[in-house]
Amino acid sequence: MNVFKNRAIIGLIEPVLFIGNNDRRKTVNARIDTGAEKSSMDAKLAAELHLGPIIKRKLITSAHGRTVRPIMEATVIISDREITSEFTIADRSHMKYKALIGQNILKQGFLIDPLKK
């Protein structure tokens, strides 16, 4: 049995198409982070896409410390796969990537190849 069958191979940085409300769409390069349990996106990106409502809040521990972040659902297309999942909302304006894709999405059929460009 081939456990790799039906898996999409992605790199450490991937273009991700976010689909917001009122058919608002935006593609951003996202950082793939196998160490993050949940995906995250920039608060300004969430506002631009008119995402909402906040469905819950969660205490998140990151490299910047512990904070309580709002969580929203968003639909993304990664490597031709459409996935609706939860994203923590954070100020990522000082970061290179406006979105981070974590385990909650990666577990849905993705393999990471660090050499893929």
Protein backbone atom coordinates (compact mmCIF):
# COMPACT_ATOMS: atom_id res chain seq x y z
CA MET A 1 0.00 0.00 0.00
CA ASN A 2 1.39 3.39 -1.02
CA VAL A 3 0.87 5.84 1.86
CA PHE A 4 2.05 8.71 -0.35
CA LYS A 5 -0.71 8.24 -2.93
CA ASN A 6 -3.13 11.19 -3.13
CA ARG A 7 -0.76 13.45 -1.17
CA ALA A 8 0.15 16.87 -2.51
CA ILE A 9 3.84 17.73 -2.27
CA ILE A 10 4.43 21.29 -1.17
CA GLY A 11 7.51 23.31 -0.27
CA LEU A 12 8.38 25.39 2.78
CA ILE A 13 6.84 28.46 1.14
CA GLU A 14 3.64 28.02 -0.89
CA PRO A 15 1.25 30.35 -2.68
CA VAL A 16 -2.12 30.14 -0.93
CA LEU A 17 -5.35 31.55 -2.33
CA PHE A 18 -7.63 32.81 0.45
CA ILE A 19 -11.33 32.99 -0.36
CA GLY A 20 -13.19 35.48 1.77
CA ASN A 21 -16.77 36.66 2.05
CA ASN A 22 -18.47 38.31 -0.94
CA ASP A 23 -16.10 36.30 -3.17
CA ARG A 24 -13.08 38.37 -2.11
CA ARG A 25 -9.88 36.54 -3.01
CA LYS A 26 -6.21 37.11 -2.34
CA THR A 27 -3.13 35.01 -2.99
CA VAL A 28 -0.24 35.29 -0.55
CA ASN A 29 2.93 33.32 -0.05
CA ALA A 30 2.53 31.36 3.17
CA ARG A 31 5.13 29.77 5.41
CA ILE A 32 4.61 26.04 5.97
CA ASP A 33 5.16 25.28 9.66
CA THR A 34 4.92 21.65 10.79
CA GLY A 35 5.52 22.76 14.39
CA ALA A 36 2.41 24.93 14.52
CA GLU A 37 -0.76 23.13 15.59
CA LYS A 38 -3.03 25.73 14.02
CA SER A 39 -2.68 27.93 10.97
CA SER A 40 -2.44 31.69 11.40
CA MET A 41 -3.10 34.75 9.27
CA ASP A 42 -2.52 38.48 9.50
CA ALA A 43 -5.35 40.54 10.99
CA LYS A 44 -5.26 43.00 8.06
CA LEU A 45 -5.61 40.12 5.58
CA ALA A 46 -8.62 38.80 7.52
CA ALA A 47 -10.19 42.28 7.43
CA GLU A 48 -9.44 42.70 3.71
CA LEU A 49 -11.21 39.40 3.00
CA HIS A 50 -14.14 40.34 5.29
CA LEU A 51 -13.72 37.14 7.28
CA GLY A 52 -15.72 36.54 10.40
CA PRO A 53 -17.24 36.11 12.79
CA ILE A 54 -14.77 35.17 15.51
CA ILE A 55 -15.80 31.61 16.43
CA LYS A 56 -13.66 31.28 19.58
CA ARG A 57 -10.46 32.42 21.25
CA LYS A 58 -7.42 30.34 22.16
CA LEU A 59 -4.29 30.78 24.25
CA ILE A 60 -1.37 30.47 21.83
CA THR A 61 2.29 30.02 22.72
CA SER A 62 4.62 31.32 20.02
CA ALA A 63 8.17 32.61 19.70
CA HIS A 64 6.76 35.99 20.81
CA GLY A 65 5.23 34.67 24.04
CA ARG A 66 1.73 33.66 25.11
CA THR A 67 -1.32 35.52 23.87
CA VAL A 68 -5.04 34.91 23.51
CA ARG A 69 -5.93 35.08 19.82
CA PRO A 70 -9.26 35.17 18.03
CA ILE A 71 -10.00 32.27 15.70
CA MET A 72 -11.91 32.51 12.41
CA GLU A 73 -12.71 30.04 9.69
CA ALA A 74 -11.28 30.61 6.24
CA THR A 75 -11.27 28.74 2.96
CA VAL A 76 -7.93 28.35 1.19
CA ILE A 77 -6.69 26.71 -1.96
CA ILE A 78 -3.25 25.11 -1.66
CA SER A 79 -1.81 23.02 -4.46
CA ASP A 80 -5.26 22.76 -6.14
CA ARG A 81 -6.92 21.55 -2.89
CA GLU A 82 -9.71 23.60 -1.36
CA ILE A 83 -9.80 23.42 2.43
CA THR A 84 -11.90 25.23 5.02
CA SER A 85 -10.20 25.38 8.39
CA GLU A 86 -9.57 27.49 11.48
CA PHE A 87 -6.96 30.25 11.56
CA THR A 88 -5.72 32.23 14.51
CA ILE A 89 -5.70 35.95 13.78
CA ALA A 90 -2.54 37.85 14.68
CA ASP A 91 -0.62 40.99 13.81
CA ARG A 92 1.88 39.61 11.30
CA SER A 93 2.69 43.02 9.79
CA HIS A 94 6.28 42.76 11.02
CA MET A 95 6.69 39.26 9.52
CA LYS A 96 7.72 38.31 6.00
CA TYR A 97 4.73 36.00 5.48
CA LYS A 98 1.14 37.11 6.09
CA ALA A 99 -0.01 33.52 6.62
CA LEU A 100 1.34 30.41 8.26
CA ILE A 101 -0.01 26.97 7.39
CA GLY A 102 0.02 24.60 10.36
CA GLN A 103 -0.83 21.01 11.16
CA ASN A 104 -4.61 21.51 11.08
CA ILE A 105 -4.32 21.92 7.30
CA LEU A 106 -1.17 19.87 6.61
CA LYS A 107 -2.80 16.72 8.05
CA GLN A 108 -5.34 16.86 5.22
CA GLY A 109 -3.05 15.23 2.67
CA PHE A 110 0.16 17.22 2.28
CA LEU A 111 3.82 16.19 2.25
CA ILE A 112 6.56 18.79 2.66
CA ASP A 113 9.62 18.75 0.42
CA PRO A 114 12.11 21.40 1.63
CA LEU A 115 13.80 21.38 -1.80
CA LYS A 116 10.61 22.25 -3.71
CA LYS A 117 10.56 25.79 -5.07
